[in-house]
Amino acid sequence: MRKLVIAVDCDDVLVRTTPFFVDAYNKKYGTKVTPAKAHVGDEIWETDRATLDGRFAELMETDEYKKLSPSLEEIAVLTALSKDHELHVITARRAHEREVTQLMLDKYTPGVFASLELVGFTGSKGEVCKSIHADVLIDDNVRHLEDAIKHGLPRSGAILFGDYAWNGDGAGDLTRCHTWEEVQEEINRLGRA
């Protein structure tokens, strides 16, 4: 099996953050946002972008957010993959989230990831994939996968993760994996190709 360089998104791939934000936000601000609508646009949150950013920043400071972690299935699959491949986390999290993200990785997946790359909301995961010579990007956002392909990621290595309302449209011919078991099977297939 050939050794692959695998980039893994954090939010809603490694850790289920959308359900946390929806639940915490609804409780705190009395809204009725659903996970299915959470990525539709700012208006669903019933405020403007600047206020929303501030509210999300407050939620990121809570103990509940800081305790979010990968599932046992994710930990097992990622640990197994790291024995044969080089794994990196590439996330749209911002610089101020580095410490909490690194602490989570160190606690639940020690030694699994070669690096943690934060691109923020406007950065390019494709540029990072190019710089680390990624063969695979596992992400729940079609936009990031298409950006990576534009920067040289093989289309066969673009894995759209999850069965989420926000990633159903525009997937085209991207490989879709709904579970980490399916991810492991796809990585094994790519490694043998």
Protein backbone atom coordinates (compact mmCIF):
# COMPACT_ATOMS: atom_id res chain seq x y z
CA MET A 1 0.00 0.00 0.00
CA ARG A 2 1.34 3.41 -0.90
CA LYS A 3 1.68 6.03 1.83
CA LEU A 4 -0.80 8.87 1.34
CA VAL A 5 -0.78 12.39 2.71
CA ILE A 6 -4.27 12.87 4.13
CA ALA A 7 -5.78 16.20 5.18
CA VAL A 8 -8.71 16.02 7.59
CA ASP A 9 -11.13 18.87 8.32
CA CYS A 10 -11.97 19.48 11.98
CA ASP A 11 -15.49 20.86 12.31
CA ASP A 12 -18.26 18.40 11.43
CA VAL A 13 -15.72 15.87 10.21
CA LEU A 14 -13.49 15.21 13.20
CA VAL A 15 -15.79 16.89 15.74
CA ARG A 16 -19.55 17.55 15.50
CA THR A 17 -19.63 21.30 16.06
CA THR A 18 -22.78 22.34 14.17
CA PRO A 19 -25.12 20.49 16.57
CA PHE A 20 -23.31 22.11 19.51
CA PHE A 21 -23.56 25.65 18.08
CA VAL A 22 -27.21 25.23 17.07
CA ASP A 23 -28.25 23.90 20.48
CA ALA A 24 -26.22 26.40 22.53
CA TYR A 25 -27.25 29.35 20.35
CA ASN A 26 -30.94 28.47 20.46
CA LYS A 27 -30.85 28.13 24.26
CA LYS A 28 -29.00 31.40 24.76
CA TYR A 29 -30.79 33.58 22.19
CA GLY A 30 -34.24 31.98 21.93
CA THR A 31 -33.95 31.17 18.24
CA LYS A 32 -35.15 28.07 16.41
CA VAL A 33 -32.20 27.34 14.13
CA THR A 34 -31.95 23.70 12.98
CA PRO A 35 -28.76 21.89 11.96
CA ALA A 36 -30.22 21.50 8.47
CA LYS A 37 -30.51 25.28 8.09
CA ALA A 38 -27.39 26.31 10.06
CA HIS A 39 -25.24 26.78 6.95
CA VAL A 40 -27.87 28.43 4.73
CA GLY A 41 -26.99 32.03 5.55
CA ASP A 42 -26.66 34.59 8.33
CA GLU A 43 -30.36 35.52 8.33
CA ILE A 44 -31.31 32.17 9.88
CA TRP A 45 -29.47 33.26 13.06
CA GLU A 46 -31.68 36.38 13.29
CA THR A 47 -28.84 38.90 13.56
CA ASP A 48 -26.13 40.60 11.50
CA ARG A 49 -22.71 39.07 10.75
CA ALA A 50 -20.75 41.18 13.26
CA THR A 51 -23.10 40.28 16.12
CA LEU A 52 -23.15 36.65 15.03
CA ASP A 53 -19.35 36.48 15.03
CA GLY A 54 -19.32 37.89 18.56
CA ARG A 55 -21.93 35.41 19.75
CA PHE A 56 -20.05 32.47 18.23
CA ALA A 57 -16.83 33.74 19.84
CA GLU A 58 -18.60 33.71 23.22
CA LEU A 59 -19.81 30.15 22.66
CA MET A 60 -16.27 29.09 21.75
CA GLU A 61 -15.13 30.22 25.18
CA THR A 62 -17.51 27.90 27.00
CA ASP A 63 -16.37 24.72 28.71
CA GLU A 64 -18.87 22.75 26.63
CA TYR A 65 -17.21 23.85 23.39
CA LYS A 66 -13.74 23.15 24.74
CA LYS A 67 -14.83 19.62 25.68
CA LEU A 68 -16.03 18.65 22.19
CA SER A 69 -14.16 15.58 21.00
CA PRO A 70 -14.00 12.99 18.24
CA SER A 71 -16.08 9.83 18.62
CA LEU A 72 -14.51 6.48 19.45
CA GLU A 73 -15.05 5.41 15.81
CA GLU A 74 -13.17 8.46 14.52
CA ILE A 75 -10.32 7.94 16.95
CA ALA A 76 -10.00 4.26 16.01
CA VAL A 77 -10.04 4.88 12.25
CA LEU A 78 -7.65 7.84 12.39
CA THR A 79 -5.24 5.96 14.63
CA ALA A 80 -5.28 3.00 12.22
CA LEU A 81 -4.79 5.27 9.18
CA SER A 82 -1.86 7.07 10.83
CA LYS A 83 0.08 3.81 10.96
CA ASP A 84 0.31 3.72 7.14
CA HIS A 85 -0.26 7.34 6.12
CA GLU A 86 0.68 10.92 7.03
CA LEU A 87 -2.29 12.81 8.47
CA HIS A 88 -2.79 16.57 8.90
CA VAL A 89 -5.69 18.62 10.25
CA ILE A 90 -6.67 21.52 7.97
CA THR A 91 -9.44 23.60 9.44
CA ALA A 92 -11.27 26.87 8.86
CA ARG A 93 -10.86 27.59 12.55
CA ARG A 94 -9.10 30.83 13.32
CA ALA A 95 -5.77 31.48 15.02
CA HIS A 96 -7.31 32.12 18.45
CA GLU A 97 -8.71 28.55 18.37
CA ARG A 98 -5.29 26.92 17.90
CA GLU A 99 -4.73 26.14 21.55
CA VAL A 100 -8.12 24.53 22.24
CA THR A 101 -7.89 22.55 18.98
CA GLN A 102 -4.35 21.34 19.67
CA LEU A 103 -5.29 20.33 23.22
CA MET A 104 -8.17 18.27 21.83
CA LEU A 105 -5.91 16.56 19.28
CA ASP A 106 -3.25 15.86 21.91
CA LYS A 107 -5.81 14.38 24.30
CA TYR A 108 -7.80 12.20 21.89
CA THR A 109 -5.46 11.53 18.96
CA PRO A 110 -1.90 11.81 20.31
CA GLY A 111 0.71 11.26 17.62
CA VAL A 112 -1.90 10.81 14.88
CA PHE A 113 -1.51 14.16 13.09
CA ALA A 114 1.73 15.57 11.68
CA SER A 115 0.39 19.14 11.81
CA LEU A 116 -2.53 21.42 12.60
CA GLU A 117 -3.18 24.02 9.89
CA LEU A 118 -5.69 26.83 10.54
CA VAL A 119 -6.84 28.82 7.52
CA GLY A 120 -9.62 30.88 9.11
CA PHE A 121 -12.93 31.61 7.42
CA THR A 122 -11.38 33.11 4.28
CA GLY A 123 -8.17 31.11 3.84
CA SER A 124 -7.54 28.45 1.23
CA LYS A 125 -7.45 24.80 2.25
CA GLY A 126 -6.36 24.15 -1.33
CA GLU A 127 -3.16 26.14 -0.85
CA VAL A 128 -2.37 24.19 2.32
CA CYS A 129 -3.12 20.88 0.58
CA LYS A 130 -0.72 21.90 -2.18
CA SER A 131 2.01 22.87 0.30
CA ILE A 132 1.83 19.55 2.18
CA HIS A 133 1.44 17.56 -1.07
CA ALA A 134 -1.91 16.12 0.04
CA ASP A 135 -3.30 13.14 -1.83
CA VAL A 136 -6.62 13.29 0.03
CA LEU A 137 -8.80 15.93 1.68
CA ILE A 138 -11.71 14.80 3.85
CA ASP A 139 -14.13 17.70 4.30
CA ASP A 140 -17.85 18.34 4.75
CA ASN A 141 -17.77 21.45 2.54
CA VAL A 142 -17.83 21.13 -1.26
CA ARG A 143 -16.23 24.59 -1.59
CA HIS A 144 -13.07 23.48 0.22
CA LEU A 145 -12.83 20.29 -1.82
CA GLU A 146 -13.21 22.16 -5.11
CA ASP A 147 -10.57 24.68 -3.95
CA ALA A 148 -8.18 21.82 -3.20
CA ILE A 149 -8.81 20.27 -6.63
CA LYS A 150 -8.14 23.67 -8.22
CA HIS A 151 -4.78 23.66 -6.39
CA GLY A 152 -3.81 20.20 -7.65
CA LEU A 153 -5.50 17.66 -5.36
CA PRO A 154 -6.55 14.66 -7.45
CA ARG A 155 -10.35 14.62 -7.83
CA SER A 156 -10.27 11.00 -6.65
CA GLY A 157 -8.80 12.24 -3.35
CA ALA A 158 -11.60 14.72 -2.64
CA ILE A 159 -13.79 12.98 -0.05
CA LEU A 160 -17.04 14.69 0.88
CA PHE A 161 -17.78 13.58 4.44
CA GLY A 162 -21.13 13.17 6.14
CA ASP A 163 -24.77 13.11 5.26
CA TYR A 164 -25.54 16.72 6.07
CA ALA A 165 -28.20 19.02 4.63
CA TRP A 166 -25.53 21.59 3.80
CA ASN A 167 -23.37 19.28 1.68
CA GLY A 168 -25.95 17.50 -0.42
CA ASP A 169 -26.05 19.93 -3.34
CA GLY A 170 -23.18 20.54 -5.71
CA ALA A 171 -21.30 17.37 -4.84
CA GLY A 172 -21.09 16.33 -8.49
CA ASP A 173 -18.72 13.43 -8.94
CA LEU A 174 -16.96 13.84 -5.58
CA THR A 175 -16.52 10.69 -3.53
CA ARG A 176 -18.99 10.75 -0.65
CA CYS A 177 -18.36 8.90 2.60
CA HIS A 178 -21.09 9.00 5.25
CA THR A 179 -19.12 7.23 8.01
CA TRP A 180 -15.55 6.82 9.12
CA GLU A 181 -15.74 3.14 8.20
CA GLU A 182 -16.47 4.22 4.61
CA VAL A 183 -13.57 6.70 4.80
CA GLN A 184 -11.21 3.92 5.86
CA GLU A 185 -12.39 1.71 2.98
CA GLU A 186 -11.89 4.57 0.49
CA ILE A 187 -8.40 5.37 1.82
CA ASN A 188 -7.47 1.69 1.55
CA ARG A 189 -8.73 1.67 -2.05
CA LEU A 190 -6.74 4.81 -2.90
CA GLY A 191 -3.63 3.41 -1.22
CA ARG A 192 -3.81 0.28 -3.38
CA ALA A 193 -4.41 2.23 -6.62
